[in-house]
């Protein structure tokens, strides 16, 4: 992946983001931490646990990457998600 260091990832679902995918804060400004699918108008769009998010995203990952199976996607996300801002334990 070129330019990986500058790539932003949603801190809720780990989706790679470009500016047009940024979520919005309550004042309508862009939020660079979360994508538009996870964060809108200053609030998360769904109230789910990290495990529910992993299940949801694993299915999406397999749709986008058919070479990957659901177990591989889930394993990868179980490693990544606890490090994301939304799910990290202080």
PDB file of N, CA and C in Angstrom:
ATOM      1  N   UNK A   1       0.862  -1.170   0.000  1.00  0.00           N
ATOM      2  CA  UNK A   1       0.000   0.000   0.000  1.00  0.00           C
ATOM      3  C   UNK A   1       0.908   1.233   0.000  1.00  0.00           C
ATOM      4  N   UNK A   2       0.848   2.018  -1.017  1.00  0.00           N
ATOM      5  CA  UNK A   2       1.715   3.186  -1.057  1.00  0.00           C
ATOM      6  C   UNK A   2       1.226   4.257  -0.088  1.00  0.00           C
ATOM      7  N   UNK A   3       2.171   5.012   0.429  1.00  0.00           N
ATOM      8  CA  UNK A   3       1.856   6.119   1.314  1.00  0.00           C
ATOM      9  C   UNK A   3       1.109   5.664   2.566  1.00  0.00           C
ATOM     10  N   UNK A   4       1.406   4.466   3.029  1.00  0.00           N
ATOM     11  CA  UNK A   4       0.714   3.872   4.168  1.00  0.00           C
ATOM     12  C   UNK A   4       0.822   4.736   5.419  1.00  0.00           C
ATOM     13  N   UNK A   5       1.976   5.371   5.616  1.00  0.00           N
ATOM     14  CA  UNK A   5       2.185   6.167   6.824  1.00  0.00           C
ATOM     15  C   UNK A   5       1.233   7.346   6.918  1.00  0.00           C
ATOM     16  N   UNK A   6       0.847   7.900   5.774  1.00  0.00           N
ATOM     17  CA  UNK A   6      -0.045   9.058   5.784  1.00  0.00           C
ATOM     18  C   UNK A   6      -1.517   8.662   5.701  1.00  0.00           C
ATOM     19  N   UNK A   7      -1.773   7.373   5.547  1.00  0.00           N
ATOM     20  CA  UNK A   7      -3.145   6.895   5.418  1.00  0.00           C
ATOM     21  C   UNK A   7      -3.866   7.029   6.762  1.00  0.00           C
ATOM     22  N   UNK A   8      -5.061   7.585   6.730  1.00  0.00           N
ATOM     23  CA  UNK A   8      -5.890   7.660   7.933  1.00  0.00           C
ATOM     24  C   UNK A   8      -6.871   6.486   7.920  1.00  0.00           C
ATOM     25  N   UNK A   9      -7.110   5.948   9.094  1.00  0.00           N
ATOM     26  CA  UNK A   9      -8.061   4.860   9.247  1.00  0.00           C
ATOM     27  C   UNK A   9      -9.108   5.284  10.263  1.00  0.00           C
ATOM     28  N   UNK A  10     -10.352   4.928   9.994  1.00  0.00           N
ATOM     29  CA  UNK A  10     -11.410   5.221  10.946  1.00  0.00           C
ATOM     30  C   UNK A  10     -11.055   4.579  12.287  1.00  0.00           C
ATOM     31  N   UNK A  11     -11.162   5.349  13.352  1.00  0.00           N
ATOM     32  CA  UNK A  11     -10.828   4.868  14.688  1.00  0.00           C
ATOM     33  C   UNK A  11     -11.987   4.124  15.350  1.00  0.00           C
ATOM     34  N   UNK A  12     -12.977   3.757  14.531  1.00  0.00           N
ATOM     35  CA  UNK A  12     -14.085   2.936  14.991  1.00  0.00           C
ATOM     36  C   UNK A  12     -14.152   1.630  14.203  1.00  0.00           C
ATOM     37  N   UNK A  13     -14.054   1.723  12.847  1.00  0.00           N
ATOM     38  CA  UNK A  13     -14.211   0.521  12.011  1.00  0.00           C
ATOM     39  C   UNK A  13     -12.946   0.141  11.236  1.00  0.00           C
ATOM     40  N   UNK A  14     -11.907   0.952  11.325  1.00  0.00           N
ATOM     41  CA  UNK A  14     -10.607   0.696  10.685  1.00  0.00           C
ATOM     42  C   UNK A  14     -10.617   0.839   9.163  1.00  0.00           C
ATOM     43  N   UNK A  15     -11.672   1.402   8.602  1.00  0.00           N
ATOM     44  CA  UNK A  15     -11.713   1.597   7.159  1.00  0.00           C
ATOM     45  C   UNK A  15     -10.695   2.662   6.756  1.00  0.00           C
ATOM     46  N   UNK A  16      -9.937   2.416   5.689  1.00  0.00           N
ATOM     47  CA  UNK A  16      -9.043   3.465   5.184  1.00  0.00           C
ATOM     48  C   UNK A  16      -9.894   4.660   4.742  1.00  0.00           C
ATOM     49  N   UNK A  17      -9.452   5.865   5.105  1.00  0.00           N
ATOM     50  CA  UNK A  17     -10.263   7.051   4.817  1.00  0.00           C
ATOM     51  C   UNK A  17      -9.503   8.076   3.984  1.00  0.00           C
ATOM     52  N   UNK A  18     -10.263   8.706   3.120  1.00  0.00           N
ATOM     53  CA  UNK A  18      -9.805   9.913   2.445  1.00  0.00           C
ATOM     54  C   UNK A  18     -10.713  11.021   2.960  1.00  0.00           C
ATOM     55  N   UNK A  19     -10.381  12.256   2.652  1.00  0.00           N
ATOM     56  CA  UNK A  19     -11.118  13.386   3.232  1.00  0.00           C
ATOM     57  C   UNK A  19     -12.620  13.317   2.987  1.00  0.00           C
ATOM     58  N   UNK A  20     -13.019  12.836   1.812  1.00  0.00           N
ATOM     59  CA  UNK A  20     -14.461  12.794   1.529  1.00  0.00           C
ATOM     60  C   UNK A  20     -15.206  11.757   2.368  1.00  0.00           C
ATOM     61  N   UNK A  21     -14.474  10.888   3.052  1.00  0.00           N
ATOM     62  CA  UNK A  21     -15.108   9.882   3.909  1.00  0.00           C
ATOM     63  C   UNK A  21     -15.118  10.276   5.383  1.00  0.00           C
ATOM     64  N   UNK A  22     -14.523  11.429   5.738  1.00  0.00           N
ATOM     65  CA  UNK A  22     -14.491  11.860   7.133  1.00  0.00           C
ATOM     66  C   UNK A  22     -15.904  12.068   7.658  1.00  0.00           C
ATOM     67  N   UNK A  23     -16.109  11.697   8.917  1.00  0.00           N
ATOM     68  CA  UNK A  23     -17.376  11.963   9.582  1.00  0.00           C
ATOM     69  C   UNK A  23     -17.491  13.447   9.900  1.00  0.00           C
ATOM     70  N   UNK A  24     -18.589  13.817  10.561  1.00  0.00           N
ATOM     71  CA  UNK A  24     -18.806  15.233  10.892  1.00  0.00           C
ATOM     72  C   UNK A  24     -19.006  15.426  12.391  1.00  0.00           C
ATOM     73  N   UNK A  25     -18.494  16.551  12.878  1.00  0.00           N
ATOM     74  CA  UNK A  25     -18.691  16.948  14.267  1.00  0.00           C
ATOM     75  C   UNK A  25     -20.054  17.631  14.399  1.00  0.00           C
ATOM     76  N   UNK A  26     -20.445  17.911  15.631  1.00  0.00           N
ATOM     77  CA  UNK A  26     -21.742  18.542  15.888  1.00  0.00           C
ATOM     78  C   UNK A  26     -21.875  19.889  15.175  1.00  0.00           C
ATOM     79  N   UNK A  27     -20.753  20.602  15.005  1.00  0.00           N
ATOM     80  CA  UNK A  27     -20.799  21.910  14.342  1.00  0.00           C
ATOM     81  C   UNK A  27     -20.695  21.809  12.814  1.00  0.00           C
ATOM     82  N   UNK A  28     -20.693  20.574  12.298  1.00  0.00           N
ATOM     83  CA  UNK A  28     -20.638  20.371  10.853  1.00  0.00           C
ATOM     84  C   UNK A  28     -19.228  20.274  10.293  1.00  0.00           C
ATOM     85  N   UNK A  29     -18.216  20.517  11.136  1.00  0.00           N
ATOM     86  CA  UNK A  29     -16.835  20.404  10.659  1.00  0.00           C
ATOM     87  C   UNK A  29     -16.458  18.930  10.483  1.00  0.00           C
ATOM     88  N   UNK A  30     -15.407  18.692   9.713  1.00  0.00           N
ATOM     89  CA  UNK A  30     -14.964  17.322   9.449  1.00  0.00           C
ATOM     90  C   UNK A  30     -14.297  16.722  10.681  1.00  0.00           C
ATOM     91  N   UNK A  31     -14.517  15.450  10.896  1.00  0.00           N
ATOM     92  CA  UNK A  31     -13.854  14.721  11.965  1.00  0.00           C
ATOM     93  C   UNK A  31     -12.888  13.739  11.317  1.00  0.00           C
ATOM     94  N   UNK A  32     -11.604  13.930  11.524  1.00  0.00           N
ATOM     95  CA  UNK A  32     -10.594  13.108  10.860  1.00  0.00           C
ATOM     96  C   UNK A  32     -10.357  11.772  11.545  1.00  0.00           C
ATOM     97  N   UNK A  33     -10.965  11.553  12.713  1.00  0.00           N
ATOM     98  CA  UNK A  33     -10.777  10.288  13.422  1.00  0.00           C
ATOM     99  C   UNK A  33     -11.760   9.204  12.988  1.00  0.00           C
ATOM    100  N   UNK A  34     -12.950   9.613  12.588  1.00  0.00           N
ATOM    101  CA  UNK A  34     -14.005   8.639  12.307  1.00  0.00           C
ATOM    102  C   UNK A  34     -14.614   8.863  10.923  1.00  0.00           C
ATOM    103  N   UNK A  35     -15.031   7.774  10.290  1.00  0.00           N
ATOM    104  CA  UNK A  35     -15.623   7.866   8.953  1.00  0.00           C
ATOM    105  C   UNK A  35     -17.087   8.288   9.025  1.00  0.00           C
ATOM    106  N   UNK A  36     -17.608   8.681   7.877  1.00  0.00           N
ATOM    107  CA  UNK A  36     -18.990   9.154   7.791  1.00  0.00           C
ATOM    108  C   UNK A  36     -20.017   8.064   8.122  1.00  0.00           C
ATOM    109  N   UNK A  37     -19.609   6.805   8.020  1.00  0.00           N
ATOM    110  CA  UNK A  37     -20.529   5.704   8.324  1.00  0.00           C
ATOM    111  C   UNK A  37     -20.614   5.451   9.828  1.00  0.00           C
ATOM    112  N   UNK A  38     -19.554   5.801  10.558  1.00  0.00           N
ATOM    113  CA  UNK A  38     -19.519   5.572  12.003  1.00  0.00           C
ATOM    114  C   UNK A  38     -19.870   6.803  12.824  1.00  0.00           C
ATOM    115  N   UNK A  39     -19.629   7.997  12.272  1.00  0.00           N
ATOM    116  CA  UNK A  39     -19.741   9.224  13.070  1.00  0.00           C
ATOM    117  C   UNK A  39     -20.375  10.334  12.261  1.00  0.00           C
ATOM    118  N   UNK A  40     -21.490  10.847  12.752  1.00  0.00           N
ATOM    119  CA  UNK A  40     -22.205  11.907  12.038  1.00  0.00           C
ATOM    120  C   UNK A  40     -22.770  12.899  13.048  1.00  0.00           C
ATOM    121  N   UNK A  41     -22.607  14.178  12.759  1.00  0.00           N
ATOM    122  CA  UNK A  41     -23.138  15.249  13.607  1.00  0.00           C
ATOM    123  C   UNK A  41     -22.671  15.127  15.064  1.00  0.00           C
ATOM    124  N   UNK A  42     -21.421  14.683  15.238  1.00  0.00           N
ATOM    125  CA  UNK A  42     -20.845  14.621  16.579  1.00  0.00           C
ATOM    126  C   UNK A  42     -21.207  13.398  17.390  1.00  0.00           C
ATOM    127  N   UNK A  43     -21.853  12.420  16.760  1.00  0.00           N
ATOM    128  CA  UNK A  43     -22.253  11.218  17.489  1.00  0.00           C
ATOM    129  C   UNK A  43     -21.980   9.970  16.660  1.00  0.00           C
ATOM    130  N   UNK A  44     -21.736   8.854  17.342  1.00  0.00           N
ATOM    131  CA  UNK A  44     -21.604   7.588  16.629  1.00  0.00           C
ATOM    132  C   UNK A  44     -22.952   7.213  16.039  1.00  0.00           C
ATOM    133  N   UNK A  45     -22.952   6.664  14.854  1.00  0.00           N
ATOM    134  CA  UNK A  45     -24.200   6.354  14.158  1.00  0.00           C
ATOM    135  C   UNK A  45     -24.859   5.086  14.690  1.00  0.00           C
ATOM    136  N   UNK A  46     -24.090   4.249  15.375  1.00  0.00           N
ATOM    137  CA  UNK A  46     -24.685   3.044  15.948  1.00  0.00           C
ATOM    138  C   UNK A  46     -24.053   2.766  17.301  1.00  0.00           C
ATOM    139  N   UNK A  47     -24.859   2.223  18.171  1.00  0.00           N
ATOM    140  CA  UNK A  47     -24.408   1.898  19.516  1.00  0.00           C
ATOM    141  C   UNK A  47     -24.150   0.405  19.539  1.00  0.00           C
ATOM    142  N   UNK A  48     -22.895   0.023  19.250  1.00  0.00           N
ATOM    143  CA  UNK A  48     -22.574  -1.394  19.252  1.00  0.00           C
ATOM    144  C   UNK A  48     -21.294  -1.631  20.023  1.00  0.00           C
ATOM    145  N   UNK A  49     -21.113  -2.869  20.419  1.00  0.00           N
ATOM    146  CA  UNK A  49     -19.882  -3.234  21.112  1.00  0.00           C
ATOM    147  C   UNK A  49     -18.774  -3.430  20.082  1.00  0.00           C
ATOM    148  N   UNK A  50     -17.544  -3.513  20.563  1.00  0.00           N
ATOM    149  CA  UNK A  50     -16.432  -3.774  19.658  1.00  0.00           C
ATOM    150  C   UNK A  50     -16.642  -5.120  18.946  1.00  0.00           C
ATOM    151  N   UNK A  51     -17.136  -6.111  19.665  1.00  0.00           N
ATOM    152  CA  UNK A  51     -17.358  -7.432  19.069  1.00  0.00           C
ATOM    153  C   UNK A  51     -18.403  -7.368  17.958  1.00  0.00           C
ATOM    154  N   UNK A  52     -19.468  -6.604  18.180  1.00  0.00           N
ATOM    155  CA  UNK A  52     -20.496  -6.447  17.141  1.00  0.00           C
ATOM    156  C   UNK A  52     -19.919  -5.724  15.921  1.00  0.00           C
ATOM    157  N   UNK A  53     -19.081  -4.729  16.163  1.00  0.00           N
ATOM    158  CA  UNK A  53     -18.460  -4.003  15.060  1.00  0.00           C
ATOM    159  C   UNK A  53     -17.536  -4.931  14.267  1.00  0.00           C
ATOM    160  N   UNK A  54     -16.787  -5.771  14.967  1.00  0.00           N
ATOM    161  CA  UNK A  54     -15.897  -6.725  14.293  1.00  0.00           C
ATOM    162  C   UNK A  54     -16.705  -7.679  13.424  1.00  0.00           C
ATOM    163  N   UNK A  55     -17.804  -8.195  13.944  1.00  0.00           N
ATOM    164  CA  UNK A  55     -18.649  -9.102  13.156  1.00  0.00           C
ATOM    165  C   UNK A  55     -19.168  -8.404  11.906  1.00  0.00           C
ATOM    166  N   UNK A  56     -19.667  -7.186  12.077  1.00  0.00           N
ATOM    167  CA  UNK A  56     -20.200  -6.409  10.961  1.00  0.00           C
ATOM    168  C   UNK A  56     -19.108  -6.139   9.921  1.00  0.00           C
ATOM    169  N   UNK A  57     -17.965  -5.682  10.381  1.00  0.00           N
ATOM    170  CA  UNK A  57     -16.880  -5.317   9.467  1.00  0.00           C
ATOM    171  C   UNK A  57     -16.220  -6.526   8.816  1.00  0.00           C
ATOM    172  N   UNK A  58     -16.198  -7.641   9.501  1.00  0.00           N
ATOM    173  CA  UNK A  58     -15.613  -8.859   8.925  1.00  0.00           C
ATOM    174  C   UNK A  58     -16.381  -9.261   7.667  1.00  0.00           C
ATOM    175  N   UNK A  59     -17.697  -9.169   7.729  1.00  0.00           N
ATOM    176  CA  UNK A  59     -18.521  -9.499   6.555  1.00  0.00           C
ATOM    177  C   UNK A  59     -18.228  -8.538   5.407  1.00  0.00           C
ATOM    178  N   UNK A  60     -18.107  -7.252   5.721  1.00  0.00           N
ATOM    179  CA  UNK A  60     -17.803  -6.252   4.688  1.00  0.00           C
ATOM    180  C   UNK A  60     -16.417  -6.493   4.083  1.00  0.00           C
ATOM    181  N   UNK A  61     -15.449  -6.845   4.925  1.00  0.00           N
ATOM    182  CA  UNK A  61     -14.082  -7.083   4.470  1.00  0.00           C
ATOM    183  C   UNK A  61     -14.044  -8.245   3.472  1.00  0.00           C
ATOM    184  N   UNK A  62     -14.780  -9.307   3.759  1.00  0.00           N
ATOM    185  CA  UNK A  62     -14.809 -10.473   2.868  1.00  0.00           C
ATOM    186  C   UNK A  62     -15.481 -10.123   1.536  1.00  0.00           C
ATOM    187  N   UNK A  63     -16.486  -9.233   1.575  1.00  0.00           N
ATOM    188  CA  UNK A  63     -17.128  -8.786   0.328  1.00  0.00           C
ATOM    189  C   UNK A  63     -16.117  -8.044  -0.550  1.00  0.00           C
ATOM    190  N   UNK A  64     -15.304  -7.202   0.067  1.00  0.00           N
ATOM    191  CA  UNK A  64     -14.333  -6.388  -0.668  1.00  0.00           C
ATOM    192  C   UNK A  64     -13.087  -7.204  -1.044  1.00  0.00           C
ATOM    193  N   UNK A  65     -12.732  -8.154  -0.190  1.00  0.00           N
ATOM    194  CA  UNK A  65     -11.543  -8.983  -0.412  1.00  0.00           C
ATOM    195  C   UNK A  65     -11.948 -10.454  -0.430  1.00  0.00           C
ATOM    196  N   UNK A  66     -12.476 -10.947  -1.571  1.00  0.00           N
ATOM    197  CA  UNK A  66     -12.967 -12.330  -1.627  1.00  0.00           C
ATOM    198  C   UNK A  66     -11.878 -13.384  -1.394  1.00  0.00           C
ATOM    199  N   UNK A  67     -10.604 -12.979  -1.502  1.00  0.00           N
ATOM    200  CA  UNK A  67      -9.517 -13.934  -1.250  1.00  0.00           C
ATOM    201  C   UNK A  67      -9.367 -14.228   0.248  1.00  0.00           C
ATOM    202  N   UNK A  68     -10.073 -13.470   1.071  1.00  0.00           N
ATOM    203  CA  UNK A  68      -9.999 -13.622   2.522  1.00  0.00           C
ATOM    204  C   UNK A  68     -11.275 -14.298   3.010  1.00  0.00           C
ATOM    205  N   UNK A  69     -11.144 -15.187   4.005  1.00  0.00           N
ATOM    206  CA  UNK A  69     -12.367 -15.774   4.559  1.00  0.00           C
ATOM    207  C   UNK A  69     -12.743 -15.050   5.854  1.00  0.00           C
ATOM    208  N   UNK A  70     -13.928 -15.332   6.360  1.00  0.00           N
ATOM    209  CA  UNK A  70     -14.478 -14.611   7.507  1.00  0.00           C
ATOM    210  C   UNK A  70     -13.602 -14.797   8.747  1.00  0.00           C
ATOM    211  N   UNK A  71     -13.023 -15.975   8.917  1.00  0.00           N
ATOM    212  CA  UNK A  71     -12.172 -16.229  10.081  1.00  0.00           C
ATOM    213  C   UNK A  71     -10.908 -15.373  10.030  1.00  0.00           C
ATOM    214  N   UNK A  72     -10.307 -15.264   8.833  1.00  0.00           N
ATOM    215  CA  UNK A  72      -9.101 -14.445   8.675  1.00  0.00           C
ATOM    216  C   UNK A  72      -9.420 -12.972   8.934  1.00  0.00           C
ATOM    217  N   UNK A  73     -10.532 -12.509   8.384  1.00  0.00           N
ATOM    218  CA  UNK A  73     -10.928 -11.111   8.574  1.00  0.00           C
ATOM    219  C   UNK A  73     -11.181 -10.828  10.051  1.00  0.00           C
ATOM    220  N   UNK A  74     -11.879 -11.722  10.716  1.00  0.00           N
ATOM    221  CA  UNK A  74     -12.196 -11.548  12.129  1.00  0.00           C
ATOM    222  C   UNK A  74     -10.927 -11.561  12.982  1.00  0.00           C
ATOM    223  N   UNK A  75     -10.005 -12.458  12.683  1.00  0.00           N
ATOM    224  CA  UNK A  75      -8.743 -12.548  13.432  1.00  0.00           C
ATOM    225  C   UNK A  75      -7.962 -11.247  13.294  1.00  0.00           C
ATOM    226  N   UNK A  76      -7.875 -10.734  12.074  1.00  0.00           N
ATOM    227  CA  UNK A  76      -7.145  -9.501  11.837  1.00  0.00           C
ATOM    228  C   UNK A  76      -7.786  -8.342  12.609  1.00  0.00           C
ATOM    229  N   UNK A  77      -9.105  -8.253  12.558  1.00  0.00           N
ATOM    230  CA  UNK A  77      -9.796  -7.153  13.229  1.00  0.00           C
ATOM    231  C   UNK A  77      -9.706  -7.256  14.740  1.00  0.00           C
ATOM    232  N   UNK A  78      -9.669  -8.479  15.257  1.00  0.00           N
ATOM    233  CA  UNK A  78      -9.514  -8.661  16.705  1.00  0.00           C
ATOM    234  C   UNK A  78      -8.150  -8.179  17.182  1.00  0.00           C
ATOM    235  N   UNK A  79      -7.168  -8.146  16.286  1.00  0.00           N
ATOM    236  CA  UNK A  79      -5.846  -7.626  16.624  1.00  0.00           C
ATOM    237  C   UNK A  79      -5.805  -6.102  16.508  1.00  0.00           C
ATOM    238  N   UNK A  80      -6.503  -5.555  15.506  1.00  0.00           N
ATOM    239  CA  UNK A  80      -6.442  -4.121  15.206  1.00  0.00           C
ATOM    240  C   UNK A  80      -7.410  -3.294  16.058  1.00  0.00           C
ATOM    241  N   UNK A  81      -8.632  -3.746  16.202  1.00  0.00           N
ATOM    242  CA  UNK A  81      -9.675  -2.926  16.829  1.00  0.00           C
ATOM    243  C   UNK A  81      -9.350  -2.450  18.250  1.00  0.00           C
ATOM    244  N   UNK A  82      -8.752  -3.301  19.111  1.00  0.00           N
ATOM    245  CA  UNK A  82      -8.458  -2.820  20.476  1.00  0.00           C
ATOM    246  C   UNK A  82      -7.490  -1.630  20.500  1.00  0.00           C
ATOM    247  N   UNK A  83      -6.811  -1.373  19.398  1.00  0.00           N
ATOM    248  CA  UNK A  83      -5.878  -0.246  19.322  1.00  0.00           C
ATOM    249  C   UNK A  83      -6.544   1.036  18.807  1.00  0.00           C
ATOM    250  N   UNK A  84      -7.752   0.931  18.285  1.00  0.00           N
ATOM    251  CA  UNK A  84      -8.449   2.101  17.750  1.00  0.00           C
ATOM    252  C   UNK A  84      -8.993   2.959  18.890  1.00  0.00           C
ATOM    253  N   UNK A  85      -9.066   4.278  18.658  1.00  0.00           N
ATOM    254  CA  UNK A  85      -9.491   5.216  19.714  1.00  0.00           C
ATOM    255  C   UNK A  85     -10.828   4.837  20.352  1.00  0.00           C
ATOM    256  N   UNK A  86     -11.791   4.436  19.522  1.00  0.00           N
ATOM    257  CA  UNK A  86     -13.124   4.157  20.072  1.00  0.00           C
ATOM    258  C   UNK A  86     -13.101   2.973  21.040  1.00  0.00           C
ATOM    259  N   UNK A  87     -12.235   2.010  20.797  1.00  0.00           N
ATOM    260  CA  UNK A  87     -12.270   0.767  21.559  1.00  0.00           C
ATOM    261  C   UNK A  87     -11.128   0.625  22.556  1.00  0.00           C
ATOM    262  N   UNK A  88     -10.110   1.455  22.457  1.00  0.00           N
ATOM    263  CA  UNK A  88      -8.931   1.319  23.336  1.00  0.00           C
ATOM    264  C   UNK A  88      -9.321   1.522  24.793  1.00  0.00           C
ATOM    265  N   UNK A  89      -8.785   0.669  25.621  1.00  0.00           N
ATOM    266  CA  UNK A  89      -9.001   0.804  27.065  1.00  0.00           C
ATOM    267  C   UNK A  89      -7.867   1.665  27.608  1.00  0.00           C
ATOM    268  N   UNK A  90      -8.206   2.671  28.372  1.00  0.00           N
ATOM    269  CA  UNK A  90      -7.176   3.573  28.902  1.00  0.00           C
ATOM    270  C   UNK A  90      -6.272   2.891  29.904  1.00  0.00           C
TER     271      UNK A  90
END
